[in-house]
N, C-alpha and C. Protein backbone atom coordinates (compact mmCIF):
# COMPACT_ATOMS: atom_id res chain seq x y z
N MET A 1 0.85 -1.19 0.00
CA MET A 1 0.00 0.00 0.00
C MET A 1 0.89 1.24 0.00
N ASN A 2 0.49 2.26 -0.77
CA ASN A 2 1.23 3.51 -0.84
C ASN A 2 0.98 4.34 0.41
N VAL A 3 1.82 5.33 0.60
CA VAL A 3 1.73 6.18 1.78
C VAL A 3 0.64 7.23 1.58
N PRO A 4 -0.29 7.34 2.53
CA PRO A 4 -1.30 8.40 2.45
C PRO A 4 -0.64 9.78 2.58
N ASN A 5 -1.16 10.73 1.85
CA ASN A 5 -0.65 12.10 1.89
C ASN A 5 -1.34 12.85 3.03
N PRO A 6 -0.59 13.52 3.90
CA PRO A 6 -1.22 14.25 5.02
C PRO A 6 -2.22 15.32 4.56
N LYS A 7 -1.98 15.93 3.40
CA LYS A 7 -2.93 16.93 2.90
C LYS A 7 -4.28 16.27 2.59
N VAL A 8 -4.23 15.04 2.09
CA VAL A 8 -5.46 14.31 1.80
C VAL A 8 -6.10 13.83 3.10
N ASP A 9 -5.29 13.48 4.10
CA ASP A 9 -5.84 13.15 5.41
C ASP A 9 -6.69 14.31 5.93
N ALA A 10 -6.17 15.53 5.80
CA ALA A 10 -6.90 16.72 6.25
C ALA A 10 -8.19 16.90 5.46
N TYR A 11 -8.13 16.64 4.16
CA TYR A 11 -9.32 16.72 3.31
C TYR A 11 -10.40 15.76 3.83
N PHE A 12 -10.01 14.53 4.11
CA PHE A 12 -10.97 13.53 4.57
C PHE A 12 -11.50 13.87 5.97
N ALA A 13 -10.69 14.50 6.79
CA ALA A 13 -11.14 14.88 8.14
C ALA A 13 -12.25 15.91 8.09
N ARG A 14 -12.29 16.72 7.02
CA ARG A 14 -13.31 17.75 6.87
C ARG A 14 -14.57 17.27 6.17
N LEU A 15 -14.54 16.09 5.58
CA LEU A 15 -15.69 15.61 4.81
C LEU A 15 -16.94 15.47 5.67
N THR A 16 -18.05 15.92 5.14
CA THR A 16 -19.34 15.73 5.81
C THR A 16 -20.27 14.86 4.98
N ARG A 17 -19.96 14.69 3.72
CA ARG A 17 -20.80 13.91 2.82
C ARG A 17 -19.91 12.91 2.07
N TRP A 18 -20.41 11.73 1.87
CA TRP A 18 -19.76 10.67 1.09
C TRP A 18 -18.48 10.14 1.75
N GLN A 19 -18.33 10.31 3.05
CA GLN A 19 -17.08 9.89 3.69
C GLN A 19 -16.80 8.38 3.55
N PRO A 20 -17.75 7.48 3.84
CA PRO A 20 -17.41 6.05 3.70
C PRO A 20 -17.09 5.67 2.25
N GLU A 21 -17.84 6.23 1.33
CA GLU A 21 -17.63 5.91 -0.09
C GLU A 21 -16.26 6.38 -0.55
N MET A 22 -15.94 7.62 -0.22
CA MET A 22 -14.67 8.18 -0.67
C MET A 22 -13.49 7.53 0.06
N ALA A 23 -13.67 7.15 1.30
CA ALA A 23 -12.61 6.46 2.04
C ALA A 23 -12.33 5.10 1.39
N HIS A 24 -13.37 4.42 0.94
CA HIS A 24 -13.19 3.13 0.27
C HIS A 24 -12.45 3.32 -1.06
N LEU A 25 -12.84 4.34 -1.82
CA LEU A 25 -12.15 4.63 -3.09
C LEU A 25 -10.68 4.96 -2.82
N ARG A 26 -10.43 5.73 -1.77
CA ARG A 26 -9.05 6.09 -1.43
C ARG A 26 -8.23 4.85 -1.12
N ALA A 27 -8.76 3.97 -0.29
CA ALA A 27 -8.03 2.74 0.07
C ALA A 27 -7.72 1.91 -1.17
N MET A 28 -8.69 1.81 -2.08
CA MET A 28 -8.48 1.06 -3.31
C MET A 28 -7.36 1.69 -4.14
N LEU A 29 -7.37 3.01 -4.28
CA LEU A 29 -6.36 3.70 -5.09
C LEU A 29 -4.98 3.65 -4.45
N LEU A 30 -4.94 3.72 -3.12
CA LEU A 30 -3.64 3.63 -2.44
C LEU A 30 -3.03 2.23 -2.55
N ALA A 31 -3.85 1.23 -2.83
CA ALA A 31 -3.35 -0.13 -3.00
C ALA A 31 -2.81 -0.36 -4.41
N MET A 32 -2.93 0.65 -5.26
CA MET A 32 -2.46 0.55 -6.65
C MET A 32 -1.17 1.35 -6.80
N PRO A 33 -0.46 1.19 -7.92
CA PRO A 33 0.82 1.91 -8.09
C PRO A 33 0.62 3.40 -8.41
N LEU A 34 0.05 4.12 -7.46
CA LEU A 34 -0.27 5.54 -7.63
C LEU A 34 0.27 6.34 -6.46
N THR A 35 0.55 7.60 -6.70
CA THR A 35 0.96 8.53 -5.65
C THR A 35 -0.20 9.45 -5.34
N GLU A 36 -0.47 9.65 -4.06
CA GLU A 36 -1.60 10.47 -3.64
C GLU A 36 -1.16 11.91 -3.45
N ASP A 37 -2.00 12.83 -3.92
CA ASP A 37 -1.75 14.25 -3.76
C ASP A 37 -3.09 14.96 -3.62
N LEU A 38 -3.06 16.25 -3.34
CA LEU A 38 -4.26 17.06 -3.30
C LEU A 38 -4.12 18.12 -4.38
N LYS A 39 -4.97 18.06 -5.39
CA LYS A 39 -4.93 19.02 -6.50
C LYS A 39 -6.34 19.51 -6.76
N TRP A 40 -6.47 20.78 -7.05
CA TRP A 40 -7.77 21.40 -7.26
C TRP A 40 -8.68 21.18 -6.06
N GLY A 41 -8.06 21.01 -4.88
CA GLY A 41 -8.81 20.80 -3.65
C GLY A 41 -9.40 19.42 -3.51
N GLU A 42 -8.98 18.46 -4.35
CA GLU A 42 -9.52 17.10 -4.35
C GLU A 42 -8.38 16.09 -4.28
N PRO A 43 -8.61 14.89 -3.72
CA PRO A 43 -7.60 13.84 -3.75
C PRO A 43 -7.32 13.43 -5.20
N CYS A 44 -6.06 13.51 -5.58
CA CYS A 44 -5.66 13.20 -6.96
C CYS A 44 -4.56 12.13 -6.90
N TYR A 45 -4.61 11.19 -7.83
CA TYR A 45 -3.69 10.06 -7.86
C TYR A 45 -2.91 10.10 -9.16
N THR A 46 -1.58 10.02 -9.02
CA THR A 46 -0.69 10.25 -10.14
C THR A 46 0.28 9.10 -10.35
N VAL A 47 0.87 9.09 -11.55
CA VAL A 47 1.99 8.21 -11.88
C VAL A 47 3.03 9.11 -12.53
N SER A 48 4.23 9.12 -11.97
CA SER A 48 5.31 9.97 -12.50
C SER A 48 4.84 11.40 -12.67
N THR A 49 4.17 11.93 -11.68
CA THR A 49 3.61 13.28 -11.63
C THR A 49 2.50 13.55 -12.65
N LYS A 50 2.08 12.55 -13.38
CA LYS A 50 0.98 12.70 -14.36
C LYS A 50 -0.33 12.33 -13.68
N ASN A 51 -1.33 13.20 -13.79
CA ASN A 51 -2.62 12.98 -13.16
C ASN A 51 -3.36 11.84 -13.84
N ILE A 52 -3.82 10.88 -13.05
CA ILE A 52 -4.55 9.73 -13.58
C ILE A 52 -6.02 9.82 -13.22
N VAL A 53 -6.32 9.95 -11.93
CA VAL A 53 -7.71 9.92 -11.48
C VAL A 53 -7.83 10.74 -10.20
N LEU A 54 -8.98 11.35 -10.01
CA LEU A 54 -9.22 12.01 -8.74
C LEU A 54 -10.56 11.60 -8.18
N ILE A 55 -10.71 11.78 -6.89
CA ILE A 55 -11.97 11.51 -6.19
C ILE A 55 -12.62 12.85 -5.92
N HIS A 56 -13.90 12.97 -6.24
CA HIS A 56 -14.60 14.20 -5.87
C HIS A 56 -16.05 13.90 -5.54
N GLY A 57 -16.62 14.79 -4.75
CA GLY A 57 -17.98 14.60 -4.30
C GLY A 57 -18.88 15.75 -4.70
N PHE A 58 -20.13 15.42 -4.93
CA PHE A 58 -21.15 16.40 -5.28
C PHE A 58 -22.36 16.15 -4.38
N LYS A 59 -23.39 16.92 -4.55
CA LYS A 59 -24.57 16.77 -3.72
C LYS A 59 -25.19 15.38 -3.86
N ASP A 60 -25.37 14.94 -5.10
CA ASP A 60 -26.11 13.70 -5.36
C ASP A 60 -25.24 12.47 -5.57
N TYR A 61 -23.95 12.64 -5.67
CA TYR A 61 -23.06 11.50 -5.92
C TYR A 61 -21.62 11.87 -5.61
N CYS A 62 -20.80 10.84 -5.46
CA CYS A 62 -19.35 11.03 -5.45
C CYS A 62 -18.85 10.31 -6.70
N ALA A 63 -17.61 10.58 -7.09
CA ALA A 63 -17.16 10.05 -8.36
C ALA A 63 -15.65 9.88 -8.42
N LEU A 64 -15.23 9.02 -9.33
CA LEU A 64 -13.85 8.97 -9.79
C LEU A 64 -13.83 9.72 -11.11
N LEU A 65 -12.87 10.62 -11.26
CA LEU A 65 -12.73 11.37 -12.51
C LEU A 65 -11.42 10.95 -13.16
N PHE A 66 -11.52 10.33 -14.31
CA PHE A 66 -10.34 9.90 -15.06
C PHE A 66 -9.94 11.02 -16.01
N MET A 67 -8.71 11.52 -15.86
CA MET A 67 -8.26 12.68 -16.62
C MET A 67 -8.30 12.44 -18.14
N LYS A 68 -7.93 11.24 -18.55
CA LYS A 68 -7.97 10.90 -19.97
C LYS A 68 -9.02 9.82 -20.22
N GLY A 69 -10.14 9.96 -19.55
CA GLY A 69 -11.21 8.97 -19.64
C GLY A 69 -11.75 8.77 -21.04
N ALA A 70 -11.68 9.79 -21.88
CA ALA A 70 -12.17 9.65 -23.25
C ALA A 70 -11.34 8.63 -24.03
N LEU A 71 -10.13 8.34 -23.57
CA LEU A 71 -9.27 7.37 -24.26
C LEU A 71 -9.44 5.95 -23.73
N LEU A 72 -10.22 5.78 -22.67
CA LEU A 72 -10.44 4.44 -22.12
C LEU A 72 -11.48 3.69 -22.95
N LYS A 73 -11.36 2.38 -22.99
CA LYS A 73 -12.27 1.56 -23.79
C LYS A 73 -13.70 1.59 -23.27
N ASP A 74 -13.88 1.73 -21.99
CA ASP A 74 -15.18 1.77 -21.33
C ASP A 74 -16.05 0.57 -21.69
N GLU A 75 -15.47 -0.61 -21.55
CA GLU A 75 -16.20 -1.84 -21.87
C GLU A 75 -17.41 -2.02 -20.97
N GLY A 76 -17.39 -1.46 -19.76
CA GLY A 76 -18.53 -1.55 -18.86
C GLY A 76 -19.59 -0.50 -19.11
N GLY A 77 -19.30 0.45 -19.99
CA GLY A 77 -20.26 1.50 -20.31
C GLY A 77 -20.61 2.37 -19.11
N VAL A 78 -19.64 2.62 -18.23
CA VAL A 78 -19.92 3.36 -17.00
C VAL A 78 -19.38 4.78 -16.99
N LEU A 79 -18.57 5.15 -17.96
CA LEU A 79 -17.98 6.48 -17.98
C LEU A 79 -18.99 7.53 -18.44
N ILE A 80 -18.97 8.66 -17.76
CA ILE A 80 -19.91 9.75 -18.04
C ILE A 80 -19.13 11.00 -18.40
N GLN A 81 -19.55 11.65 -19.48
CA GLN A 81 -19.00 12.95 -19.83
C GLN A 81 -19.82 13.99 -19.05
N GLN A 82 -19.17 14.74 -18.17
CA GLN A 82 -19.89 15.64 -17.27
C GLN A 82 -20.76 16.65 -18.01
N THR A 83 -20.19 17.33 -18.99
CA THR A 83 -20.93 18.29 -19.80
C THR A 83 -20.43 18.17 -21.23
N GLU A 84 -21.13 18.77 -22.15
CA GLU A 84 -20.72 18.68 -23.56
C GLU A 84 -19.39 19.36 -23.82
N ASN A 85 -18.98 20.26 -22.92
CA ASN A 85 -17.72 20.98 -23.12
C ASN A 85 -16.50 20.25 -22.57
N VAL A 86 -16.71 19.22 -21.80
CA VAL A 86 -15.59 18.43 -21.27
C VAL A 86 -15.10 17.52 -22.38
N GLN A 87 -13.81 17.62 -22.70
CA GLN A 87 -13.29 16.86 -23.83
C GLN A 87 -12.63 15.56 -23.43
N SER A 88 -11.79 15.57 -22.42
CA SER A 88 -10.98 14.40 -22.12
C SER A 88 -11.44 13.63 -20.89
N ALA A 89 -11.78 14.33 -19.83
CA ALA A 89 -12.11 13.68 -18.55
C ALA A 89 -13.46 12.97 -18.61
N ARG A 90 -13.55 11.87 -17.85
CA ARG A 90 -14.80 11.12 -17.74
C ARG A 90 -14.94 10.66 -16.29
N GLN A 91 -16.18 10.59 -15.83
CA GLN A 91 -16.50 10.20 -14.46
C GLN A 91 -17.13 8.82 -14.40
N ILE A 92 -16.93 8.18 -13.24
CA ILE A 92 -17.77 7.06 -12.83
C ILE A 92 -18.42 7.53 -11.54
N ARG A 93 -19.75 7.57 -11.52
CA ARG A 93 -20.49 8.12 -10.38
C ARG A 93 -21.01 7.02 -9.47
N PHE A 94 -21.08 7.36 -8.17
CA PHE A 94 -21.53 6.41 -7.16
C PHE A 94 -22.52 7.09 -6.22
N THR A 95 -23.51 6.32 -5.81
CA THR A 95 -24.50 6.84 -4.86
C THR A 95 -24.51 6.04 -3.56
N GLY A 96 -23.60 5.10 -3.41
CA GLY A 96 -23.54 4.33 -2.18
C GLY A 96 -22.33 3.41 -2.13
N LEU A 97 -21.96 3.01 -0.92
CA LEU A 97 -20.80 2.16 -0.71
C LEU A 97 -20.99 0.78 -1.35
N ALA A 98 -22.19 0.24 -1.30
CA ALA A 98 -22.43 -1.09 -1.89
C ALA A 98 -22.16 -1.08 -3.39
N GLN A 99 -22.50 0.01 -4.05
CA GLN A 99 -22.24 0.14 -5.49
C GLN A 99 -20.73 0.11 -5.76
N ILE A 100 -19.96 0.83 -4.96
CA ILE A 100 -18.51 0.87 -5.13
C ILE A 100 -17.92 -0.52 -4.89
N THR A 101 -18.35 -1.17 -3.82
CA THR A 101 -17.84 -2.50 -3.49
C THR A 101 -18.12 -3.49 -4.61
N ALA A 102 -19.32 -3.44 -5.16
CA ALA A 102 -19.69 -4.35 -6.25
C ALA A 102 -18.88 -4.07 -7.51
N MET A 103 -18.51 -2.82 -7.72
CA MET A 103 -17.80 -2.43 -8.94
C MET A 103 -16.28 -2.47 -8.78
N GLU A 104 -15.78 -2.81 -7.61
CA GLU A 104 -14.34 -2.67 -7.36
C GLU A 104 -13.45 -3.37 -8.39
N PRO A 105 -13.73 -4.60 -8.83
CA PRO A 105 -12.88 -5.19 -9.87
C PRO A 105 -12.88 -4.37 -11.17
N THR A 106 -14.04 -3.85 -11.54
CA THR A 106 -14.14 -3.01 -12.73
C THR A 106 -13.36 -1.72 -12.53
N LEU A 107 -13.49 -1.12 -11.36
CA LEU A 107 -12.79 0.13 -11.08
C LEU A 107 -11.28 -0.06 -11.14
N ARG A 108 -10.80 -1.16 -10.58
CA ARG A 108 -9.36 -1.45 -10.64
C ARG A 108 -8.90 -1.60 -12.09
N ALA A 109 -9.71 -2.26 -12.89
CA ALA A 109 -9.36 -2.44 -14.31
C ALA A 109 -9.31 -1.10 -15.03
N TYR A 110 -10.25 -0.20 -14.73
CA TYR A 110 -10.26 1.11 -15.37
C TYR A 110 -9.04 1.93 -14.95
N VAL A 111 -8.68 1.86 -13.67
CA VAL A 111 -7.50 2.59 -13.20
C VAL A 111 -6.24 2.03 -13.85
N THR A 112 -6.14 0.72 -13.93
CA THR A 112 -4.99 0.08 -14.58
C THR A 112 -4.89 0.52 -16.03
N GLU A 113 -6.02 0.55 -16.72
CA GLU A 113 -6.02 1.00 -18.12
C GLU A 113 -5.65 2.47 -18.20
N ALA A 114 -6.15 3.30 -17.29
CA ALA A 114 -5.83 4.73 -17.30
C ALA A 114 -4.34 4.97 -17.11
N ILE A 115 -3.71 4.17 -16.24
CA ILE A 115 -2.26 4.27 -16.05
C ILE A 115 -1.55 3.92 -17.35
N ALA A 116 -1.97 2.83 -18.00
CA ALA A 116 -1.34 2.40 -19.25
C ALA A 116 -1.50 3.47 -20.34
N VAL A 117 -2.68 4.09 -20.40
CA VAL A 117 -2.92 5.15 -21.39
C VAL A 117 -1.96 6.30 -21.14
N GLU A 118 -1.82 6.70 -19.89
CA GLU A 118 -0.92 7.82 -19.57
C GLU A 118 0.52 7.47 -19.91
N LEU A 119 0.96 6.28 -19.53
CA LEU A 119 2.34 5.88 -19.79
C LEU A 119 2.63 5.70 -21.28
N SER A 120 1.59 5.44 -22.06
CA SER A 120 1.78 5.29 -23.51
C SER A 120 2.03 6.62 -24.21
N GLY A 121 1.69 7.72 -23.52
CA GLY A 121 1.85 9.04 -24.12
C GLY A 121 0.67 9.45 -24.98
N ALA A 122 -0.39 8.65 -25.02
CA ALA A 122 -1.56 8.98 -25.82
C ALA A 122 -2.16 10.30 -25.36
N LYS A 123 -2.63 11.06 -26.31
CA LYS A 123 -3.24 12.35 -26.01
C LYS A 123 -4.65 12.38 -26.60
N PRO A 124 -5.60 12.95 -25.86
CA PRO A 124 -6.96 13.05 -26.39
C PRO A 124 -7.04 14.07 -27.51
N ASP A 125 -8.00 13.89 -28.39
CA ASP A 125 -8.23 14.83 -29.49
C ASP A 125 -8.88 16.08 -28.91
N MET A 126 -8.20 17.18 -29.03
CA MET A 126 -8.71 18.42 -28.47
C MET A 126 -9.17 19.38 -29.58
N THR A 127 -9.71 18.84 -30.66
CA THR A 127 -10.11 19.69 -31.78
C THR A 127 -11.20 20.67 -31.39
N LEU A 128 -12.03 20.31 -30.42
CA LEU A 128 -13.09 21.22 -30.01
C LEU A 128 -12.51 22.55 -29.54
N SER A 129 -11.37 22.53 -28.86
CA SER A 129 -10.73 23.77 -28.40
C SER A 129 -10.33 24.64 -29.58
N ARG A 130 -9.83 24.01 -30.60
CA ARG A 130 -9.40 24.77 -31.76
C ARG A 130 -10.60 25.27 -32.56
N ASP A 131 -11.72 24.57 -32.46
CA ASP A 131 -12.90 24.95 -33.22
C ASP A 131 -13.65 26.13 -32.63
N LEU A 132 -13.42 26.43 -31.37
CA LEU A 132 -14.10 27.55 -30.74
C LEU A 132 -13.57 28.86 -31.32
N THR A 133 -14.48 29.71 -31.68
CA THR A 133 -14.05 30.99 -32.25
C THR A 133 -14.16 32.08 -31.19
N LEU A 134 -13.31 33.04 -31.31
CA LEU A 134 -13.33 34.16 -30.39
C LEU A 134 -14.48 35.08 -30.75
N PRO A 135 -15.18 35.62 -29.76
CA PRO A 135 -16.24 36.58 -30.08
C PRO A 135 -15.63 37.86 -30.65
N ALA A 136 -16.39 38.55 -31.47
CA ALA A 136 -15.91 39.77 -32.11
C ALA A 136 -15.43 40.80 -31.09
N GLU A 137 -16.10 40.86 -29.95
CA GLU A 137 -15.72 41.82 -28.91
C GLU A 137 -14.30 41.54 -28.39
N PHE A 138 -13.95 40.26 -28.28
CA PHE A 138 -12.61 39.93 -27.81
C PHE A 138 -11.58 40.14 -28.91
N SER A 139 -11.93 39.79 -30.12
CA SER A 139 -11.01 40.02 -31.24
C SER A 139 -10.66 41.50 -31.35
N ALA A 140 -11.66 42.36 -31.15
CA ALA A 140 -11.41 43.81 -31.20
C ALA A 140 -10.46 44.24 -30.09
N ARG A 141 -10.64 43.69 -28.89
CA ARG A 141 -9.78 44.05 -27.76
C ARG A 141 -8.35 43.53 -27.97
N LEU A 142 -8.21 42.42 -28.69
CA LEU A 142 -6.87 41.91 -29.00
C LEU A 142 -6.09 42.92 -29.84
N GLU A 143 -6.81 43.66 -30.67
CA GLU A 143 -6.18 44.69 -31.51
C GLU A 143 -5.91 45.97 -30.72
N ASP A 144 -6.80 46.28 -29.78
CA ASP A 144 -6.73 47.56 -29.04
C ASP A 144 -5.74 47.57 -27.88
N VAL A 145 -5.61 46.44 -27.19
CA VAL A 145 -4.81 46.40 -25.97
C VAL A 145 -3.42 45.85 -26.28
N PRO A 146 -2.40 46.66 -26.08
CA PRO A 146 -1.04 46.17 -26.33
C PRO A 146 -0.75 44.93 -25.48
N ASP A 147 -0.11 43.96 -26.07
CA ASP A 147 0.34 42.73 -25.40
C ASP A 147 -0.78 41.73 -25.07
N LEU A 148 -2.05 42.06 -25.31
CA LEU A 148 -3.14 41.14 -24.97
C LEU A 148 -3.08 39.87 -25.83
N ARG A 149 -2.84 40.03 -27.13
CA ARG A 149 -2.79 38.85 -28.00
C ARG A 149 -1.66 37.90 -27.57
N ALA A 150 -0.48 38.45 -27.33
CA ALA A 150 0.66 37.62 -26.91
C ALA A 150 0.37 36.95 -25.57
N ALA A 151 -0.25 37.68 -24.65
CA ALA A 151 -0.57 37.11 -23.33
C ALA A 151 -1.60 35.99 -23.47
N PHE A 152 -2.61 36.19 -24.31
CA PHE A 152 -3.64 35.17 -24.50
C PHE A 152 -3.04 33.93 -25.16
N GLU A 153 -2.21 34.12 -26.16
CA GLU A 153 -1.59 32.98 -26.85
C GLU A 153 -0.59 32.25 -25.97
N ALA A 154 -0.06 32.92 -24.95
CA ALA A 154 0.88 32.28 -24.03
C ALA A 154 0.17 31.42 -22.98
N LEU A 155 -1.15 31.59 -22.83
CA LEU A 155 -1.91 30.77 -21.89
C LEU A 155 -1.96 29.33 -22.37
N THR A 156 -2.16 28.42 -21.45
CA THR A 156 -2.31 27.01 -21.84
C THR A 156 -3.57 26.85 -22.68
N PRO A 157 -3.64 25.83 -23.53
CA PRO A 157 -4.85 25.63 -24.33
C PRO A 157 -6.12 25.52 -23.47
N GLY A 158 -6.01 24.90 -22.30
CA GLY A 158 -7.17 24.77 -21.43
C GLY A 158 -7.65 26.12 -20.91
N ARG A 159 -6.72 26.99 -20.57
CA ARG A 159 -7.09 28.33 -20.10
C ARG A 159 -7.69 29.15 -21.24
N GLN A 160 -7.10 29.04 -22.42
CA GLN A 160 -7.67 29.75 -23.57
C GLN A 160 -9.11 29.28 -23.83
N ARG A 161 -9.30 27.99 -23.77
CA ARG A 161 -10.62 27.41 -24.01
C ARG A 161 -11.62 27.88 -22.98
N ALA A 162 -11.20 27.92 -21.70
CA ALA A 162 -12.10 28.38 -20.64
C ALA A 162 -12.55 29.81 -20.89
N TYR A 163 -11.63 30.67 -21.30
CA TYR A 163 -12.01 32.05 -21.61
C TYR A 163 -12.95 32.09 -22.81
N LYS A 164 -12.63 31.33 -23.84
CA LYS A 164 -13.50 31.32 -25.03
C LYS A 164 -14.91 30.88 -24.67
N LEU A 165 -15.02 29.83 -23.88
CA LEU A 165 -16.35 29.34 -23.48
C LEU A 165 -17.09 30.38 -22.65
N TYR A 166 -16.38 31.01 -21.73
CA TYR A 166 -17.01 32.00 -20.87
C TYR A 166 -17.44 33.23 -21.67
N PHE A 167 -16.57 33.72 -22.54
CA PHE A 167 -16.91 34.91 -23.33
C PHE A 167 -18.05 34.63 -24.29
N THR A 168 -18.01 33.51 -24.98
CA THR A 168 -19.05 33.20 -25.97
C THR A 168 -20.35 32.73 -25.33
N GLY A 169 -20.29 32.38 -24.03
CA GLY A 169 -21.50 31.93 -23.35
C GLY A 169 -22.51 33.04 -23.10
N ALA A 170 -22.08 34.28 -23.19
CA ALA A 170 -22.99 35.42 -23.00
C ALA A 170 -23.77 35.66 -24.30
N LYS A 171 -25.07 35.84 -24.18
CA LYS A 171 -25.92 36.03 -25.36
C LYS A 171 -25.87 37.45 -25.90
N GLN A 172 -25.70 38.42 -25.00
CA GLN A 172 -25.71 39.81 -25.43
C GLN A 172 -24.29 40.35 -25.56
N SER A 173 -24.11 41.20 -26.55
CA SER A 173 -22.81 41.79 -26.82
C SER A 173 -22.28 42.56 -25.61
N LYS A 174 -23.15 43.31 -24.94
CA LYS A 174 -22.72 44.09 -23.77
C LYS A 174 -22.19 43.16 -22.67
N THR A 175 -22.85 42.04 -22.45
CA THR A 175 -22.40 41.10 -21.43
C THR A 175 -21.05 40.50 -21.82
N ARG A 176 -20.90 40.15 -23.11
CA ARG A 176 -19.60 39.64 -23.57
C ARG A 176 -18.51 40.67 -23.33
N ALA A 177 -18.79 41.92 -23.70
CA ALA A 177 -17.80 42.99 -23.53
C ALA A 177 -17.45 43.19 -22.05
N ASP A 178 -18.45 43.14 -21.18
CA ASP A 178 -18.20 43.29 -19.74
C ASP A 178 -17.32 42.16 -19.21
N ARG A 179 -17.61 40.95 -19.64
CA ARG A 179 -16.82 39.79 -19.20
C ARG A 179 -15.37 39.93 -19.66
N ILE A 180 -15.21 40.35 -20.88
CA ILE A 180 -13.87 40.51 -21.45
C ILE A 180 -13.08 41.57 -20.67
N GLU A 181 -13.70 42.73 -20.45
CA GLU A 181 -13.02 43.81 -19.72
C GLU A 181 -12.60 43.36 -18.33
N LYS A 182 -13.47 42.63 -17.66
CA LYS A 182 -13.18 42.16 -16.30
C LYS A 182 -11.96 41.25 -16.28
N HIS A 183 -11.76 40.45 -17.35
CA HIS A 183 -10.70 39.44 -17.33
C HIS A 183 -9.43 39.83 -18.08
N ILE A 184 -9.40 40.97 -18.71
CA ILE A 184 -8.17 41.41 -19.40
C ILE A 184 -6.98 41.45 -18.43
N PRO A 185 -7.11 42.01 -17.22
CA PRO A 185 -5.94 42.02 -16.31
C PRO A 185 -5.44 40.61 -15.98
N ASN A 186 -6.35 39.66 -15.81
CA ASN A 186 -5.93 38.28 -15.52
C ASN A 186 -5.19 37.68 -16.71
N ILE A 187 -5.69 37.91 -17.91
CA ILE A 187 -5.03 37.38 -19.10
C ILE A 187 -3.62 37.98 -19.21
N LEU A 188 -3.52 39.26 -19.02
CA LEU A 188 -2.21 39.92 -19.10
C LEU A 188 -1.25 39.40 -18.02
N ALA A 189 -1.81 38.96 -16.90
CA ALA A 189 -1.00 38.41 -15.81
C ALA A 189 -0.71 36.92 -15.99
N GLY A 190 -1.22 36.34 -17.09
CA GLY A 190 -0.98 34.91 -17.35
C GLY A 190 -1.86 33.98 -16.54
N LYS A 191 -2.96 34.50 -16.04
CA LYS A 191 -3.85 33.70 -15.20
C LYS A 191 -5.03 33.16 -15.99
N GLY A 192 -5.53 32.02 -15.54
CA GLY A 192 -6.73 31.44 -16.10
C GLY A 192 -7.96 32.07 -15.49
N ILE A 193 -9.11 31.71 -15.99
CA ILE A 193 -10.37 32.31 -15.55
C ILE A 193 -10.66 32.02 -14.08
N ASP A 194 -10.19 30.90 -13.56
CA ASP A 194 -10.47 30.53 -12.17
C ASP A 194 -9.26 30.73 -11.24
N ASP A 195 -8.20 31.34 -11.74
CA ASP A 195 -6.99 31.54 -10.91
C ASP A 195 -7.17 32.71 -9.96
C-alpha cells in the first residue's frame, strides 16, 4: 500500500458527505501503483507526476474522474462525460458504498487502463478547443490592448478554451464585452479564468 498524503488526510477529516464511499475509493487507489496528492482541492492520484484519477464529491453523488477517460475503452459503459464541453475527462459516479464495493474489480481495471494510457503518451483529441471561435468583442480588444494577443496565446490551451467558453456563453454583446473587460488584467498576468 502507498503512503497516504497528510494533505489528503486533512481533506478527509473535513468531509461531511460521502465519507465512507470516498474512504473506500481512497483505500483502493492507495493499493495501486499511484501517488496520492491534493490538487484542485480534491484527492488526486498520479503516476510519475501525471494525473490519472481524482476523487470528488457532489450533492447527489461522489465520483472517480479519469483525466484521460475519453481514451479508455469503457467496456462496462460506466464512464460519463460531465458536460458537452468536457473533452478528455470522464467520471464514474456512485451513490452508495455497496455500489462501489460491487464495482471494485471493474474500477481497478479502469484505473490500470488509465495508467497504461498515460504511460503510452496517448493524447486526447482536443479539436473542439481549436474549433471555438473568439467573439468579435474579444477580437477587437486583442487589436486595441497592447500585449493582450501575446498574453492570450501564451496561456495554456485549457485556459484559452475556458475564456472562449465564458466569453461566448454570453448572449448579449454588452455582457460579452463586460466579461472581457473584467478578465483582461488576468489574461495579461498569465492567469486562467479561475486563478
